[in-house]
Amino acid sequence: EYQGLVKHTGGCHCGAVRFEVWASADLHIFDCNCSICKKKQNRHFIVPASRFKLLKGAESITTYTFNTHKAQHTFWIAPHCLDEGTVRSVVVEEFNGSDWEKAIKEHKTIKSMSKE
């Protein structure tokens, strides 16, 4: 258990993938404008890997690549995949993923949220 955090659970619609993640009840969500996130209407929240646990479905997760195939999209914690009852509030912050290299270097919030 992590002090000040709640255990969120979630998964995909068909139930093949289930996970748990320790995070604040007040979620800080990133709305990325890169081509894949815009097309799929993805929003993300970020936690250190140590606070994420895949409960089932590793064999159902695939990696998606496109264009130059440098970016590999395997799995992300999407707020719309969380089960109900643990989220108190949501703040959405825009992220300029269409200029990924520059944005990820300059974005202090994302860097701090992914650290232990």
C-alpha atoms as a PDB file:
ATOM      1  CA  GLU A   1       0.000   0.000   0.000  1.00  0.00           C
ATOM      2  CA  TYR A   2       1.164   3.513  -0.816  1.00  0.00           C
ATOM      3  CA  GLN A   3       0.417   6.382   1.548  1.00  0.00           C
ATOM      4  CA  GLY A   4      -2.024   8.929   0.116  1.00  0.00           C
ATOM      5  CA  LEU A   5      -2.786   6.802  -2.943  1.00  0.00           C
ATOM      6  CA  VAL A   6      -5.668   4.512  -3.833  1.00  0.00           C
ATOM      7  CA  LYS A   7      -5.650   1.208  -5.655  1.00  0.00           C
ATOM      8  CA  HIS A   8      -7.416   1.600  -8.984  1.00  0.00           C
ATOM      9  CA  THR A   9      -8.318  -1.526 -10.922  1.00  0.00           C
ATOM     10  CA  GLY A  10      -9.249  -1.774 -14.552  1.00  0.00           C
ATOM     11  CA  GLY A  11      -8.955  -3.603 -17.805  1.00  0.00           C
ATOM     12  CA  CYS A  12     -10.145  -3.933 -21.353  1.00  0.00           C
ATOM     13  CA  HIS A  13     -13.797  -4.226 -22.347  1.00  0.00           C
ATOM     14  CA  CYS A  14     -13.662  -7.970 -23.104  1.00  0.00           C
ATOM     15  CA  GLY A  15     -11.987  -8.728 -19.758  1.00  0.00           C
ATOM     16  CA  ALA A  16      -8.903 -10.415 -21.222  1.00  0.00           C
ATOM     17  CA  VAL A  17      -6.576  -7.820 -19.649  1.00  0.00           C
ATOM     18  CA  ARG A  18      -6.831  -6.757 -15.999  1.00  0.00           C
ATOM     19  CA  PHE A  19      -4.510  -4.496 -14.022  1.00  0.00           C
ATOM     20  CA  GLU A  20      -4.164  -2.576 -10.798  1.00  0.00           C
ATOM     21  CA  VAL A  21      -2.392   0.713 -10.310  1.00  0.00           C
ATOM     22  CA  TRP A  22      -1.696   2.820  -7.237  1.00  0.00           C
ATOM     23  CA  ALA A  23      -2.324   6.503  -7.929  1.00  0.00           C
ATOM     24  CA  SER A  24      -4.048   9.525  -6.505  1.00  0.00           C
ATOM     25  CA  ALA A  25      -7.845   9.576  -6.440  1.00  0.00           C
ATOM     26  CA  ASP A  26      -7.395  12.938  -8.190  1.00  0.00           C
ATOM     27  CA  LEU A  27      -6.095  11.950 -11.619  1.00  0.00           C
ATOM     28  CA  HIS A  28      -3.835  14.132 -13.754  1.00  0.00           C
ATOM     29  CA  ILE A  29      -4.579  13.094 -17.334  1.00  0.00           C
ATOM     30  CA  PHE A  30      -2.600  13.917 -20.461  1.00  0.00           C
ATOM     31  CA  ASP A  31      -4.439  14.602 -23.701  1.00  0.00           C
ATOM     32  CA  CYS A  32      -1.848  13.960 -26.403  1.00  0.00           C
ATOM     33  CA  ASN A  33      -2.240  15.304 -29.927  1.00  0.00           C
ATOM     34  CA  CYS A  34       0.086  12.860 -31.696  1.00  0.00           C
ATOM     35  CA  SER A  35      -1.454  11.081 -34.671  1.00  0.00           C
ATOM     36  CA  ILE A  36      -2.267   7.795 -32.900  1.00  0.00           C
ATOM     37  CA  CYS A  37      -3.687   9.411 -29.762  1.00  0.00           C
ATOM     38  CA  LYS A  38      -5.858  11.758 -31.818  1.00  0.00           C
ATOM     39  CA  LYS A  39      -7.125   8.909 -33.991  1.00  0.00           C
ATOM     40  CA  LYS A  40      -7.873   6.622 -31.018  1.00  0.00           C
ATOM     41  CA  GLN A  41      -8.951   9.484 -28.710  1.00  0.00           C
ATOM     42  CA  ASN A  42      -6.510   8.268 -26.081  1.00  0.00           C
ATOM     43  CA  ARG A  43      -5.858  10.059 -22.829  1.00  0.00           C
ATOM     44  CA  HIS A  44      -3.240   8.799 -20.414  1.00  0.00           C
ATOM     45  CA  PHE A  45      -2.097   9.031 -16.847  1.00  0.00           C
ATOM     46  CA  ILE A  46       1.386   8.169 -15.738  1.00  0.00           C
ATOM     47  CA  VAL A  47       2.694   6.300 -12.714  1.00  0.00           C
ATOM     48  CA  PRO A  48       6.051   4.699 -11.909  1.00  0.00           C
ATOM     49  CA  ALA A  49       6.294   1.085 -13.093  1.00  0.00           C
ATOM     50  CA  SER A  50       6.546  -0.119  -9.480  1.00  0.00           C
ATOM     51  CA  ARG A  51       2.966   1.063  -8.840  1.00  0.00           C
ATOM     52  CA  PHE A  52       1.505  -0.862 -11.791  1.00  0.00           C
ATOM     53  CA  LYS A  53       0.703  -4.575 -11.797  1.00  0.00           C
ATOM     54  CA  LEU A  54      -0.664  -6.559 -14.726  1.00  0.00           C
ATOM     55  CA  LEU A  55      -3.031  -9.097 -13.164  1.00  0.00           C
ATOM     56  CA  LYS A  56      -3.873 -11.076 -16.293  1.00  0.00           C
ATOM     57  CA  GLY A  57      -3.736 -10.974 -20.042  1.00  0.00           C
ATOM     58  CA  ALA A  58      -0.060 -10.484 -20.903  1.00  0.00           C
ATOM     59  CA  GLU A  59      -0.568 -12.816 -23.852  1.00  0.00           C
ATOM     60  CA  SER A  60      -3.362 -10.570 -25.156  1.00  0.00           C
ATOM     61  CA  ILE A  61      -1.276  -7.391 -25.269  1.00  0.00           C
ATOM     62  CA  THR A  62       0.269  -6.543 -28.617  1.00  0.00           C
ATOM     63  CA  THR A  63       2.679  -3.863 -29.784  1.00  0.00           C
ATOM     64  CA  TYR A  64       1.488  -1.403 -32.389  1.00  0.00           C
ATOM     65  CA  THR A  65       3.877   0.526 -34.629  1.00  0.00           C
ATOM     66  CA  PHE A  66       3.325   2.760 -37.628  1.00  0.00           C
ATOM     67  CA  ASN A  67       5.153   5.050 -40.033  1.00  0.00           C
ATOM     68  CA  THR A  68       8.881   4.747 -39.137  1.00  0.00           C
ATOM     69  CA  HIS A  69       8.143   1.990 -36.574  1.00  0.00           C
ATOM     70  CA  LYS A  70      10.402   3.708 -34.024  1.00  0.00           C
ATOM     71  CA  ALA A  71       7.611   4.416 -31.557  1.00  0.00           C
ATOM     72  CA  GLN A  72       6.263   1.204 -30.059  1.00  0.00           C
ATOM     73  CA  HIS A  73       2.875   1.412 -28.385  1.00  0.00           C
ATOM     74  CA  THR A  74       2.430  -1.631 -26.164  1.00  0.00           C
ATOM     75  CA  PHE A  75       0.272  -0.650 -23.190  1.00  0.00           C
ATOM     76  CA  TRP A  76      -0.806   2.502 -21.433  1.00  0.00           C
ATOM     77  CA  ILE A  77      -2.992   3.195 -18.455  1.00  0.00           C
ATOM     78  CA  ALA A  78      -6.043   4.892 -19.877  1.00  0.00           C
ATOM     79  CA  PRO A  79      -8.490   6.493 -17.443  1.00  0.00           C
ATOM     80  CA  HIS A  80     -11.505   5.208 -19.378  1.00  0.00           C
ATOM     81  CA  CYS A  81     -10.319   1.642 -18.646  1.00  0.00           C
ATOM     82  CA  LEU A  82     -10.519   2.097 -14.861  1.00  0.00           C
ATOM     83  CA  ASP A  83     -13.293   0.446 -12.892  1.00  0.00           C
ATOM     84  CA  GLU A  84     -15.741   2.840 -11.252  1.00  0.00           C
ATOM     85  CA  GLY A  85     -15.523   4.037  -7.674  1.00  0.00           C
ATOM     86  CA  THR A  86     -11.942   5.184  -7.028  1.00  0.00           C
ATOM     87  CA  VAL A  87     -11.588   8.418  -9.022  1.00  0.00           C
ATOM     88  CA  ARG A  88     -12.515  11.609  -7.165  1.00  0.00           C
ATOM     89  CA  SER A  89     -11.559  14.206  -9.786  1.00  0.00           C
ATOM     90  CA  VAL A  90      -9.781  14.566 -13.113  1.00  0.00           C
ATOM     91  CA  VAL A  91      -7.519  17.341 -14.390  1.00  0.00           C
ATOM     92  CA  VAL A  92      -6.724  17.208 -18.109  1.00  0.00           C
ATOM     93  CA  GLU A  93      -3.491  18.706 -19.424  1.00  0.00           C
ATOM     94  CA  GLU A  94      -2.695  19.011 -23.103  1.00  0.00           C
ATOM     95  CA  PHE A  95       0.533  17.418 -24.332  1.00  0.00           C
ATOM     96  CA  ASN A  96       2.045  18.366 -27.694  1.00  0.00           C
ATOM     97  CA  GLY A  97       2.791  14.849 -28.870  1.00  0.00           C
ATOM     98  CA  SER A  98       2.828  15.971 -32.498  1.00  0.00           C
ATOM     99  CA  ASP A  99       6.281  17.382 -31.641  1.00  0.00           C
ATOM    100  CA  TRP A 100       7.178  14.447 -29.395  1.00  0.00           C
ATOM    101  CA  GLU A 101      10.965  14.831 -29.114  1.00  0.00           C
ATOM    102  CA  LYS A 102      10.764  18.466 -28.040  1.00  0.00           C
ATOM    103  CA  ALA A 103       7.700  18.025 -25.835  1.00  0.00           C
ATOM    104  CA  ILE A 104       8.995  15.058 -23.826  1.00  0.00           C
ATOM    105  CA  LYS A 105      12.291  16.849 -23.103  1.00  0.00           C
ATOM    106  CA  GLU A 106      10.535  19.986 -21.900  1.00  0.00           C
ATOM    107  CA  HIS A 107       7.564  18.496 -20.063  1.00  0.00           C
ATOM    108  CA  LYS A 108       8.459  18.471 -16.372  1.00  0.00           C
ATOM    109  CA  THR A 109       5.126  17.042 -15.157  1.00  0.00           C
ATOM    110  CA  ILE A 110       5.420  13.828 -17.164  1.00  0.00           C
ATOM    111  CA  LYS A 111       9.059  13.342 -16.120  1.00  0.00           C
ATOM    112  CA  SER A 112       8.242  13.780 -12.430  1.00  0.00           C
ATOM    113  CA  MET A 113       5.199  11.477 -12.531  1.00  0.00           C
ATOM    114  CA  SER A 114       7.117   8.560 -14.011  1.00  0.00           C
ATOM    115  CA  LYS A 115       9.830   8.603 -11.326  1.00  0.00           C
ATOM    116  CA  GLU A 116       9.726   6.534  -8.150  1.00  0.00           C
END
